[in-house]
Amino acid sequence: MCEKSEHEREWIQNALNGDEQAFYELINHYHTTVERFARQIGVRDEDIQDVTQEVFIKVYRFLHKYSRGKFSTWLYSVTLNVAKDFFRKQKRENAKVLKTIQENPVTKYEENLDLTEDSRILHDAIKKMDEKYRIPIVLFYFHDASIKEISTIMGMREATVKTRLKRGKERLKVSIAEGGIPYESKAF
């Protein structure tokens, strides 16, 4: 049994029993993961704290609904849903801000990573992809999520995840080969 899993299970059980310190241990352990994933799916740097805080509020409120699957899979799902809610709220409040976000994708999520120029080109191309391809690629290649986990996180069939990964990789190849121009923005 993995020591991480044992601590995780203990933290979850103790948090469910009202132990605030155990919940803080969960937050400390997963805080960076949530922030990184939120950035990679398009949350702007200035909104990361708000989204991350909302994720952990939801985790606190709904921890009793977590089933015995992999905790990180459930946490990615919560993060994705909070981010989508956040995007919808932004859209309702200010359509102009949403347009700016779409035209100027986040470019600083790699700030703590020592990326080569090739890596930066890859990350920039991924950020410009349509969400339906970007999220599975980010989860699969950067968060080591399995097809089954991505299926659970995104609420879709495994076959759909496989198709989106395949098509996403194809679009990514085209985008990089053509200088990082997003595939979806081309007129056919």
N, C-alpha and C. Protein backbone atom coordinates (compact mmCIF):
# COMPACT_ATOMS: atom_id res chain seq x y z
N MET A 1 0.85 -1.19 0.00
CA MET A 1 0.00 0.00 0.00
C MET A 1 0.89 1.24 0.00
N CYS A 2 0.59 2.15 -0.80
CA CYS A 2 1.35 3.39 -0.94
C CYS A 2 1.15 4.27 0.30
N GLU A 3 2.26 4.84 0.81
CA GLU A 3 2.18 5.69 1.99
C GLU A 3 1.29 6.90 1.73
N LYS A 4 1.39 7.46 0.51
CA LYS A 4 0.57 8.61 0.13
C LYS A 4 -0.92 8.26 0.25
N SER A 5 -1.29 7.08 -0.25
CA SER A 5 -2.69 6.66 -0.20
C SER A 5 -3.17 6.48 1.24
N GLU A 6 -2.28 5.95 2.08
CA GLU A 6 -2.66 5.76 3.48
C GLU A 6 -2.90 7.10 4.16
N HIS A 7 -1.97 8.05 3.95
CA HIS A 7 -2.15 9.39 4.53
C HIS A 7 -3.41 10.04 3.98
N GLU A 8 -3.59 9.92 2.68
CA GLU A 8 -4.76 10.51 2.02
C GLU A 8 -6.05 9.97 2.63
N ARG A 9 -6.13 8.66 2.73
CA ARG A 9 -7.33 8.04 3.31
C ARG A 9 -7.55 8.50 4.75
N GLU A 10 -6.46 8.57 5.50
CA GLU A 10 -6.54 9.00 6.89
C GLU A 10 -7.02 10.45 6.97
N TRP A 11 -6.45 11.32 6.12
CA TRP A 11 -6.86 12.73 6.11
C TRP A 11 -8.34 12.84 5.78
N ILE A 12 -8.78 12.11 4.77
CA ILE A 12 -10.18 12.17 4.34
C ILE A 12 -11.09 11.70 5.46
N GLN A 13 -10.78 10.56 6.05
CA GLN A 13 -11.62 10.02 7.12
C GLN A 13 -11.66 10.98 8.31
N ASN A 14 -10.50 11.49 8.68
CA ASN A 14 -10.46 12.42 9.82
C ASN A 14 -11.19 13.72 9.50
N ALA A 15 -11.05 14.20 8.28
CA ALA A 15 -11.77 15.42 7.87
C ALA A 15 -13.27 15.18 7.93
N LEU A 16 -13.71 14.02 7.49
CA LEU A 16 -15.14 13.69 7.56
C LEU A 16 -15.63 13.64 9.01
N ASN A 17 -14.72 13.33 9.93
CA ASN A 17 -15.07 13.29 11.35
C ASN A 17 -14.88 14.64 12.03
N GLY A 18 -14.65 15.69 11.23
CA GLY A 18 -14.58 17.04 11.78
C GLY A 18 -13.19 17.55 12.13
N ASP A 19 -12.15 16.81 11.80
CA ASP A 19 -10.78 17.22 12.10
C ASP A 19 -10.32 18.24 11.06
N GLU A 20 -10.27 19.53 11.47
CA GLU A 20 -9.88 20.60 10.55
C GLU A 20 -8.43 20.46 10.09
N GLN A 21 -7.55 20.01 10.98
CA GLN A 21 -6.14 19.86 10.61
C GLN A 21 -5.99 18.84 9.48
N ALA A 22 -6.77 17.78 9.52
CA ALA A 22 -6.71 16.76 8.46
C ALA A 22 -7.15 17.37 7.13
N PHE A 23 -8.17 18.22 7.16
CA PHE A 23 -8.62 18.88 5.92
C PHE A 23 -7.53 19.82 5.41
N TYR A 24 -6.86 20.53 6.32
CA TYR A 24 -5.75 21.41 5.90
C TYR A 24 -4.62 20.60 5.28
N GLU A 25 -4.38 19.40 5.77
CA GLU A 25 -3.36 18.53 5.18
C GLU A 25 -3.74 18.18 3.73
N LEU A 26 -5.02 17.89 3.50
CA LEU A 26 -5.49 17.62 2.13
C LEU A 26 -5.26 18.85 1.25
N ILE A 27 -5.62 20.01 1.76
CA ILE A 27 -5.43 21.25 1.00
C ILE A 27 -3.94 21.44 0.68
N ASN A 28 -3.09 21.31 1.70
CA ASN A 28 -1.65 21.50 1.48
C ASN A 28 -1.11 20.52 0.45
N HIS A 29 -1.59 19.32 0.49
CA HIS A 29 -1.10 18.29 -0.42
C HIS A 29 -1.55 18.53 -1.86
N TYR A 30 -2.78 19.02 -2.07
CA TYR A 30 -3.34 19.12 -3.41
C TYR A 30 -3.46 20.55 -3.95
N HIS A 31 -3.11 21.54 -3.17
CA HIS A 31 -3.28 22.93 -3.57
C HIS A 31 -2.58 23.22 -4.90
N THR A 32 -1.33 22.84 -5.03
CA THR A 32 -0.56 23.10 -6.24
C THR A 32 -1.15 22.37 -7.44
N THR A 33 -1.61 21.14 -7.23
CA THR A 33 -2.21 20.36 -8.30
C THR A 33 -3.46 21.05 -8.84
N VAL A 34 -4.30 21.54 -7.95
CA VAL A 34 -5.53 22.23 -8.35
C VAL A 34 -5.19 23.50 -9.12
N GLU A 35 -4.26 24.29 -8.60
CA GLU A 35 -3.88 25.53 -9.28
C GLU A 35 -3.33 25.24 -10.68
N ARG A 36 -2.45 24.27 -10.77
CA ARG A 36 -1.82 23.93 -12.06
C ARG A 36 -2.87 23.49 -13.07
N PHE A 37 -3.76 22.61 -12.65
CA PHE A 37 -4.79 22.12 -13.56
C PHE A 37 -5.71 23.27 -13.98
N ALA A 38 -6.09 24.12 -13.05
CA ALA A 38 -6.97 25.26 -13.37
C ALA A 38 -6.30 26.16 -14.41
N ARG A 39 -5.01 26.44 -14.23
CA ARG A 39 -4.29 27.26 -15.22
C ARG A 39 -4.29 26.60 -16.58
N GLN A 40 -4.04 25.30 -16.58
CA GLN A 40 -3.92 24.58 -17.85
C GLN A 40 -5.23 24.49 -18.61
N ILE A 41 -6.34 24.61 -17.91
CA ILE A 41 -7.62 24.56 -18.61
C ILE A 41 -8.17 25.95 -18.90
N GLY A 42 -7.37 26.98 -18.61
CA GLY A 42 -7.72 28.31 -19.06
C GLY A 42 -8.09 29.34 -18.02
N VAL A 43 -7.98 29.02 -16.74
CA VAL A 43 -8.27 30.03 -15.72
C VAL A 43 -7.11 31.01 -15.68
N ARG A 44 -7.44 32.29 -15.72
CA ARG A 44 -6.42 33.34 -15.74
C ARG A 44 -5.71 33.41 -14.39
N ASP A 45 -4.45 33.83 -14.40
CA ASP A 45 -3.64 33.93 -13.19
C ASP A 45 -4.34 34.73 -12.10
N GLU A 46 -4.96 35.82 -12.47
CA GLU A 46 -5.61 36.67 -11.46
C GLU A 46 -6.86 36.01 -10.85
N ASP A 47 -7.35 34.95 -11.45
CA ASP A 47 -8.53 34.27 -10.93
C ASP A 47 -8.21 32.93 -10.26
N ILE A 48 -6.95 32.53 -10.32
CA ILE A 48 -6.56 31.21 -9.78
C ILE A 48 -6.91 31.08 -8.31
N GLN A 49 -6.60 32.08 -7.51
CA GLN A 49 -6.88 31.99 -6.06
C GLN A 49 -8.37 31.80 -5.81
N ASP A 50 -9.20 32.55 -6.50
CA ASP A 50 -10.65 32.44 -6.30
C ASP A 50 -11.16 31.05 -6.69
N VAL A 51 -10.70 30.56 -7.83
CA VAL A 51 -11.15 29.24 -8.29
C VAL A 51 -10.65 28.15 -7.34
N THR A 52 -9.38 28.24 -6.95
CA THR A 52 -8.81 27.24 -6.04
C THR A 52 -9.55 27.25 -4.70
N GLN A 53 -9.84 28.42 -4.20
CA GLN A 53 -10.58 28.51 -2.94
C GLN A 53 -11.97 27.88 -3.09
N GLU A 54 -12.63 28.16 -4.18
CA GLU A 54 -13.96 27.59 -4.42
C GLU A 54 -13.89 26.07 -4.54
N VAL A 55 -12.83 25.56 -5.16
CA VAL A 55 -12.66 24.10 -5.27
C VAL A 55 -12.60 23.49 -3.87
N PHE A 56 -11.79 24.06 -2.99
CA PHE A 56 -11.65 23.47 -1.66
C PHE A 56 -12.88 23.71 -0.77
N ILE A 57 -13.63 24.76 -1.05
CA ILE A 57 -14.92 24.93 -0.36
C ILE A 57 -15.86 23.80 -0.78
N LYS A 58 -15.89 23.51 -2.09
CA LYS A 58 -16.74 22.41 -2.59
C LYS A 58 -16.26 21.07 -2.02
N VAL A 59 -14.96 20.86 -1.99
CA VAL A 59 -14.43 19.62 -1.43
C VAL A 59 -14.87 19.48 0.02
N TYR A 60 -14.78 20.57 0.79
CA TYR A 60 -15.19 20.55 2.20
C TYR A 60 -16.68 20.22 2.32
N ARG A 61 -17.50 20.87 1.51
CA ARG A 61 -18.95 20.68 1.58
C ARG A 61 -19.39 19.31 1.11
N PHE A 62 -18.67 18.75 0.12
CA PHE A 62 -19.14 17.51 -0.51
C PHE A 62 -18.19 16.33 -0.33
N LEU A 63 -17.27 16.43 0.61
CA LEU A 63 -16.33 15.33 0.83
C LEU A 63 -17.06 14.04 1.17
N HIS A 64 -18.20 14.16 1.80
CA HIS A 64 -18.99 12.96 2.14
C HIS A 64 -19.51 12.24 0.89
N LYS A 65 -19.51 12.93 -0.26
CA LYS A 65 -19.97 12.30 -1.50
C LYS A 65 -18.85 11.62 -2.27
N TYR A 66 -17.61 11.83 -1.81
CA TYR A 66 -16.48 11.18 -2.46
C TYR A 66 -16.58 9.68 -2.21
N SER A 67 -16.49 8.92 -3.32
CA SER A 67 -16.51 7.46 -3.19
C SER A 67 -15.07 6.98 -3.10
N ARG A 68 -14.89 5.75 -2.90
CA ARG A 68 -13.56 5.19 -2.64
C ARG A 68 -12.67 5.07 -3.87
N GLY A 69 -12.98 5.74 -4.95
CA GLY A 69 -12.09 5.75 -6.11
C GLY A 69 -10.86 6.58 -5.81
N LYS A 70 -10.09 6.87 -6.82
CA LYS A 70 -8.89 7.68 -6.66
C LYS A 70 -9.29 9.11 -6.32
N PHE A 71 -8.80 9.64 -5.21
CA PHE A 71 -9.19 10.97 -4.74
C PHE A 71 -8.85 12.04 -5.77
N SER A 72 -7.68 11.94 -6.41
CA SER A 72 -7.27 12.97 -7.37
C SER A 72 -8.23 13.03 -8.56
N THR A 73 -8.78 11.89 -8.95
CA THR A 73 -9.76 11.88 -10.05
C THR A 73 -10.99 12.69 -9.65
N TRP A 74 -11.48 12.47 -8.45
CA TRP A 74 -12.63 13.22 -7.95
C TRP A 74 -12.27 14.71 -7.85
N LEU A 75 -11.07 15.01 -7.39
CA LEU A 75 -10.63 16.40 -7.24
C LEU A 75 -10.52 17.10 -8.59
N TYR A 76 -10.00 16.41 -9.62
CA TYR A 76 -9.95 17.00 -10.97
C TYR A 76 -11.36 17.30 -11.46
N SER A 77 -12.28 16.41 -11.19
CA SER A 77 -13.67 16.61 -11.60
C SER A 77 -14.27 17.84 -10.92
N VAL A 78 -14.03 17.97 -9.63
CA VAL A 78 -14.51 19.15 -8.89
C VAL A 78 -13.89 20.42 -9.47
N THR A 79 -12.59 20.38 -9.72
CA THR A 79 -11.89 21.55 -10.27
C THR A 79 -12.45 21.92 -11.64
N LEU A 80 -12.65 20.94 -12.49
CA LEU A 80 -13.21 21.19 -13.81
C LEU A 80 -14.60 21.83 -13.70
N ASN A 81 -15.44 21.30 -12.83
CA ASN A 81 -16.79 21.85 -12.66
C ASN A 81 -16.76 23.27 -12.10
N VAL A 82 -15.89 23.52 -11.13
CA VAL A 82 -15.78 24.87 -10.57
C VAL A 82 -15.29 25.83 -11.65
N ALA A 83 -14.31 25.41 -12.43
CA ALA A 83 -13.79 26.28 -13.50
C ALA A 83 -14.89 26.58 -14.52
N LYS A 84 -15.65 25.55 -14.90
CA LYS A 84 -16.74 25.77 -15.86
C LYS A 84 -17.79 26.73 -15.29
N ASP A 85 -18.14 26.56 -14.02
CA ASP A 85 -19.08 27.48 -13.36
C ASP A 85 -18.52 28.90 -13.36
N PHE A 86 -17.24 29.01 -13.07
CA PHE A 86 -16.58 30.31 -13.05
C PHE A 86 -16.64 30.96 -14.42
N PHE A 87 -16.37 30.16 -15.47
CA PHE A 87 -16.42 30.70 -16.83
C PHE A 87 -17.83 31.17 -17.19
N ARG A 88 -18.83 30.38 -16.81
CA ARG A 88 -20.23 30.77 -17.09
C ARG A 88 -20.58 32.06 -16.36
N LYS A 89 -20.15 32.18 -15.12
CA LYS A 89 -20.42 33.39 -14.34
C LYS A 89 -19.76 34.61 -14.99
N GLN A 90 -18.52 34.43 -15.40
CA GLN A 90 -17.83 35.53 -16.08
C GLN A 90 -18.56 35.93 -17.35
N LYS A 91 -19.02 34.94 -18.08
CA LYS A 91 -19.71 35.22 -19.34
C LYS A 91 -20.98 36.03 -19.09
N ARG A 92 -21.72 35.64 -18.08
CA ARG A 92 -22.96 36.37 -17.76
C ARG A 92 -22.65 37.79 -17.30
N GLU A 93 -21.62 37.94 -16.49
CA GLU A 93 -21.31 39.25 -15.92
C GLU A 93 -20.71 40.22 -16.93
N ASN A 94 -19.90 39.66 -17.82
CA ASN A 94 -19.20 40.58 -18.71
C ASN A 94 -18.73 39.86 -19.97
N ALA A 95 -19.52 39.94 -21.01
CA ALA A 95 -19.19 39.27 -22.28
C ALA A 95 -17.89 39.81 -22.87
N LYS A 96 -17.62 41.05 -22.64
CA LYS A 96 -16.40 41.65 -23.16
C LYS A 96 -15.16 41.01 -22.54
N VAL A 97 -15.20 40.73 -21.25
CA VAL A 97 -14.08 40.08 -20.57
C VAL A 97 -13.87 38.69 -21.15
N LEU A 98 -14.94 37.97 -21.40
CA LEU A 98 -14.84 36.63 -21.96
C LEU A 98 -14.15 36.68 -23.33
N LYS A 99 -14.51 37.66 -24.14
CA LYS A 99 -13.89 37.79 -25.46
C LYS A 99 -12.39 38.02 -25.32
N THR A 100 -12.00 38.84 -24.38
CA THR A 100 -10.59 39.10 -24.13
C THR A 100 -9.86 37.83 -23.71
N ILE A 101 -10.49 37.03 -22.87
CA ILE A 101 -9.89 35.77 -22.41
C ILE A 101 -9.67 34.85 -23.61
N GLN A 102 -10.64 34.74 -24.47
CA GLN A 102 -10.51 33.85 -25.63
C GLN A 102 -9.44 34.33 -26.59
N GLU A 103 -9.31 35.65 -26.74
CA GLU A 103 -8.33 36.20 -27.66
C GLU A 103 -6.91 36.19 -27.09
N ASN A 104 -6.80 36.20 -25.76
CA ASN A 104 -5.49 36.25 -25.10
C ASN A 104 -5.40 35.12 -24.08
N PRO A 105 -5.12 33.90 -24.51
CA PRO A 105 -5.08 32.78 -23.57
C PRO A 105 -3.96 32.95 -22.54
N VAL A 106 -4.13 32.30 -21.42
CA VAL A 106 -3.15 32.35 -20.34
C VAL A 106 -1.80 31.91 -20.87
N THR A 107 -0.75 32.67 -20.54
CA THR A 107 0.58 32.31 -21.03
C THR A 107 1.57 32.11 -19.90
N LYS A 108 1.15 32.23 -18.65
CA LYS A 108 2.12 32.19 -17.57
C LYS A 108 2.03 30.97 -16.68
N TYR A 109 1.25 29.96 -17.00
CA TYR A 109 1.13 28.83 -16.09
C TYR A 109 2.44 28.06 -15.98
N GLU A 110 3.36 28.23 -16.93
CA GLU A 110 4.62 27.53 -16.88
C GLU A 110 5.66 28.32 -16.11
N GLU A 111 5.28 29.43 -15.48
CA GLU A 111 6.25 30.33 -14.90
C GLU A 111 7.20 29.66 -13.92
N ASN A 112 6.76 28.62 -13.21
CA ASN A 112 7.62 27.95 -12.26
C ASN A 112 8.34 26.76 -12.88
N LEU A 113 8.13 26.52 -14.17
CA LEU A 113 8.77 25.41 -14.85
C LEU A 113 9.92 25.95 -15.69
N ASP A 114 10.96 25.16 -15.80
CA ASP A 114 12.08 25.55 -16.65
C ASP A 114 11.85 24.90 -18.01
N LEU A 115 11.10 25.57 -18.87
CA LEU A 115 10.73 25.00 -20.15
C LEU A 115 11.67 25.42 -21.26
N THR A 116 11.95 24.48 -22.13
CA THR A 116 12.73 24.79 -23.32
C THR A 116 11.82 25.53 -24.29
N GLU A 117 12.40 26.07 -25.36
CA GLU A 117 11.59 26.76 -26.36
C GLU A 117 10.58 25.81 -26.98
N ASP A 118 10.99 24.55 -27.25
CA ASP A 118 10.07 23.56 -27.80
C ASP A 118 8.90 23.31 -26.85
N SER A 119 9.19 23.23 -25.55
CA SER A 119 8.13 23.01 -24.57
C SER A 119 7.16 24.18 -24.53
N ARG A 120 7.70 25.38 -24.63
CA ARG A 120 6.83 26.57 -24.62
C ARG A 120 5.91 26.57 -25.85
N ILE A 121 6.46 26.20 -27.00
CA ILE A 121 5.65 26.14 -28.22
C ILE A 121 4.53 25.12 -28.04
N LEU A 122 4.88 23.95 -27.48
CA LEU A 122 3.88 22.91 -27.22
C LEU A 122 2.80 23.41 -26.28
N HIS A 123 3.19 24.00 -25.15
CA HIS A 123 2.21 24.48 -24.17
C HIS A 123 1.34 25.59 -24.76
N ASP A 124 1.93 26.48 -25.53
CA ASP A 124 1.14 27.55 -26.16
C ASP A 124 0.12 26.97 -27.14
N ALA A 125 0.55 25.97 -27.90
CA ALA A 125 -0.37 25.32 -28.86
C ALA A 125 -1.50 24.61 -28.12
N ILE A 126 -1.20 23.96 -27.02
CA ILE A 126 -2.23 23.27 -26.24
C ILE A 126 -3.25 24.28 -25.70
N LYS A 127 -2.76 25.40 -25.18
CA LYS A 127 -3.66 26.40 -24.61
C LYS A 127 -4.62 26.98 -25.65
N LYS A 128 -4.23 26.95 -26.93
CA LYS A 128 -5.08 27.51 -27.99
C LYS A 128 -6.10 26.52 -28.51
N MET A 129 -6.01 25.27 -28.06
CA MET A 129 -6.93 24.23 -28.54
C MET A 129 -8.32 24.39 -27.96
N ASP A 130 -9.29 23.86 -28.64
CA ASP A 130 -10.65 23.79 -28.14
C ASP A 130 -10.64 22.97 -26.85
N GLU A 131 -11.46 23.38 -25.89
CA GLU A 131 -11.54 22.73 -24.58
C GLU A 131 -11.76 21.22 -24.66
N LYS A 132 -12.56 20.77 -25.62
CA LYS A 132 -12.88 19.34 -25.68
C LYS A 132 -11.66 18.49 -26.01
N TYR A 133 -10.62 19.09 -26.59
CA TYR A 133 -9.36 18.39 -26.85
C TYR A 133 -8.31 18.74 -25.81
N ARG A 134 -8.29 20.00 -25.39
CA ARG A 134 -7.27 20.47 -24.45
C ARG A 134 -7.35 19.75 -23.11
N ILE A 135 -8.54 19.62 -22.54
CA ILE A 135 -8.66 19.04 -21.21
C ILE A 135 -8.21 17.58 -21.18
N PRO A 136 -8.65 16.72 -22.11
CA PRO A 136 -8.13 15.34 -22.08
C PRO A 136 -6.61 15.27 -22.28
N ILE A 137 -6.06 16.10 -23.15
CA ILE A 137 -4.61 16.08 -23.38
C ILE A 137 -3.87 16.50 -22.11
N VAL A 138 -4.32 17.57 -21.47
CA VAL A 138 -3.68 18.04 -20.24
C VAL A 138 -3.75 16.96 -19.16
N LEU A 139 -4.93 16.37 -18.98
CA LEU A 139 -5.07 15.34 -17.95
C LEU A 139 -4.21 14.11 -18.26
N PHE A 140 -4.20 13.66 -19.50
CA PHE A 140 -3.50 12.43 -19.87
C PHE A 140 -1.99 12.61 -19.83
N TYR A 141 -1.49 13.67 -20.45
CA TYR A 141 -0.05 13.82 -20.60
C TYR A 141 0.64 14.60 -19.47
N PHE A 142 -0.08 15.47 -18.78
CA PHE A 142 0.55 16.28 -17.74
C PHE A 142 0.14 15.89 -16.33
N HIS A 143 -0.95 15.15 -16.20
CA HIS A 143 -1.42 14.74 -14.87
C HIS A 143 -1.51 13.22 -14.75
N ASP A 144 -1.03 12.51 -15.76
CA ASP A 144 -0.98 11.04 -15.75
C ASP A 144 -2.32 10.38 -15.45
N ALA A 145 -3.40 11.01 -15.87
CA ALA A 145 -4.73 10.42 -15.67
C ALA A 145 -4.95 9.34 -16.73
N SER A 146 -5.59 8.27 -16.33
CA SER A 146 -5.91 7.19 -17.27
C SER A 146 -7.14 7.58 -18.10
N ILE A 147 -7.37 6.82 -19.15
CA ILE A 147 -8.57 7.04 -19.99
C ILE A 147 -9.81 6.94 -19.11
N LYS A 148 -9.84 5.95 -18.24
CA LYS A 148 -10.99 5.75 -17.35
C LYS A 148 -11.18 6.95 -16.42
N GLU A 149 -10.08 7.46 -15.86
CA GLU A 149 -10.17 8.61 -14.96
C GLU A 149 -10.66 9.85 -15.71
N ILE A 150 -10.15 10.06 -16.91
CA ILE A 150 -10.58 11.21 -17.71
C ILE A 150 -12.07 11.08 -18.03
N SER A 151 -12.49 9.87 -18.33
CA SER A 151 -13.90 9.60 -18.61
C SER A 151 -14.76 10.01 -17.41
N THR A 152 -14.30 9.65 -16.23
CA THR A 152 -15.02 9.99 -15.01
C THR A 152 -15.02 11.50 -14.77
N ILE A 153 -13.85 12.11 -14.91
CA ILE A 153 -13.71 13.55 -14.67
C ILE A 153 -14.60 14.36 -15.61
N MET A 154 -14.61 13.97 -16.89
CA MET A 154 -15.33 14.74 -17.89
C MET A 154 -16.76 14.27 -18.11
N GLY A 155 -17.13 13.16 -17.48
CA GLY A 155 -18.50 12.66 -17.59
C GLY A 155 -18.84 12.19 -19.00
N MET A 156 -17.92 11.43 -19.61
CA MET A 156 -18.16 10.93 -20.96
C MET A 156 -17.63 9.51 -21.06
N ARG A 157 -18.00 8.85 -22.15
CA ARG A 157 -17.56 7.47 -22.36
C ARG A 157 -16.06 7.41 -22.64
N GLU A 158 -15.45 6.29 -22.30
CA GLU A 158 -14.02 6.10 -22.54
C GLU A 158 -13.70 6.19 -24.03
N ALA A 159 -14.58 5.67 -24.87
CA ALA A 159 -14.35 5.73 -26.32
C ALA A 159 -14.29 7.18 -26.79
N THR A 160 -15.11 8.04 -26.22
CA THR A 160 -15.10 9.46 -26.57
C THR A 160 -13.78 10.10 -26.16
N VAL A 161 -13.30 9.74 -24.96
CA VAL A 161 -12.01 10.27 -24.49
C VAL A 161 -10.89 9.85 -25.45
N LYS A 162 -10.89 8.58 -25.84
CA LYS A 162 -9.85 8.08 -26.76
C LYS A 162 -9.90 8.84 -28.08
N THR A 163 -11.09 9.06 -28.59
CA THR A 163 -11.25 9.79 -29.85
C THR A 163 -10.75 11.22 -29.71
N ARG A 164 -11.10 11.86 -28.61
CA ARG A 164 -10.67 13.25 -28.42
C ARG A 164 -9.16 13.35 -28.23
N LEU A 165 -8.57 12.38 -27.56
CA LEU A 165 -7.11 12.37 -27.43
C LEU A 165 -6.46 12.22 -28.80
N LYS A 166 -6.97 11.29 -29.60
CA LYS A 166 -6.41 11.04 -30.93
C LYS A 166 -6.56 12.29 -31.81
N ARG A 167 -7.75 12.84 -31.85
CA ARG A 167 -7.99 14.03 -32.68
C ARG A 167 -7.22 15.23 -32.16
N GLY A 168 -7.15 15.34 -30.84
CA GLY A 168 -6.40 16.44 -30.23
C GLY A 168 -4.93 16.38 -30.60
N LYS A 169 -4.35 15.17 -30.56
CA LYS A 169 -2.94 15.02 -30.94
C LYS A 169 -2.75 15.38 -32.41
N GLU A 170 -3.69 14.98 -33.26
CA GLU A 170 -3.60 15.31 -34.68
C GLU A 170 -3.64 16.82 -34.87
N ARG A 171 -4.57 17.48 -34.19
CA ARG A 171 -4.68 18.93 -34.30
C ARG A 171 -3.44 19.63 -33.76
N LEU A 172 -2.89 19.07 -32.69
CA LEU A 172 -1.68 19.62 -32.10
C LEU A 172 -0.51 19.53 -33.07
N LYS A 173 -0.38 18.40 -33.76
CA LYS A 173 0.68 18.22 -34.76
C LYS A 173 0.55 19.27 -35.86
N VAL A 174 -0.66 19.45 -36.35
CA VAL A 174 -0.90 20.43 -37.42
C VAL A 174 -0.57 21.82 -36.91
N SER A 175 -1.02 22.14 -35.71
CA SER A 175 -0.80 23.47 -35.14
C SER A 175 0.68 23.77 -34.99
N ILE A 176 1.43 22.82 -34.47
CA ILE A 176 2.87 23.02 -34.27
C ILE A 176 3.59 23.09 -35.60
N ALA A 177 3.22 22.23 -36.52
CA ALA A 177 3.85 22.22 -37.85
C ALA A 177 3.62 23.54 -38.59
N GLU A 178 2.50 24.18 -38.31
CA GLU A 178 2.17 25.43 -39.00
C GLU A 178 2.50 26.64 -38.14
N GLY A 179 3.37 26.45 -37.18
CA GLY A 179 3.83 27.60 -36.38
C GLY A 179 2.96 27.93 -35.20
N GLY A 180 2.24 26.97 -34.65
CA GLY A 180 1.44 27.21 -33.46
C GLY A 180 0.11 27.87 -33.70
N ILE A 181 -0.31 27.97 -34.95
CA ILE A 181 -1.61 28.56 -35.25
C ILE A 181 -2.68 27.56 -34.85
N PRO A 182 -3.64 27.95 -34.04
CA PRO A 182 -4.63 26.98 -33.58
C PRO A 182 -5.43 26.39 -34.73
N TYR A 183 -5.55 25.09 -34.71
CA TYR A 183 -6.27 24.34 -35.75
C TYR A 183 -7.71 24.80 -35.88
N GLU A 184 -8.38 25.02 -34.73
CA GLU A 184 -9.81 25.35 -34.73
C GLU A 184 -10.12 26.69 -35.38
N SER A 185 -9.13 27.60 -35.43
CA SER A 185 -9.41 28.93 -35.95
C SER A 185 -9.28 29.01 -37.47
N LYS A 186 -8.86 27.97 -38.09
CA LYS A 186 -8.68 28.00 -39.55
C LYS A 186 -10.02 27.86 -40.27
N ALA A 187 -10.15 28.56 -41.33
CA ALA A 187 -11.35 28.42 -42.16
C ALA A 187 -11.11 27.32 -43.18
N PHE A 188 -12.03 26.40 -43.29
CA PHE A 188 -11.90 25.30 -44.25
C PHE A 188 -12.90 25.42 -45.36
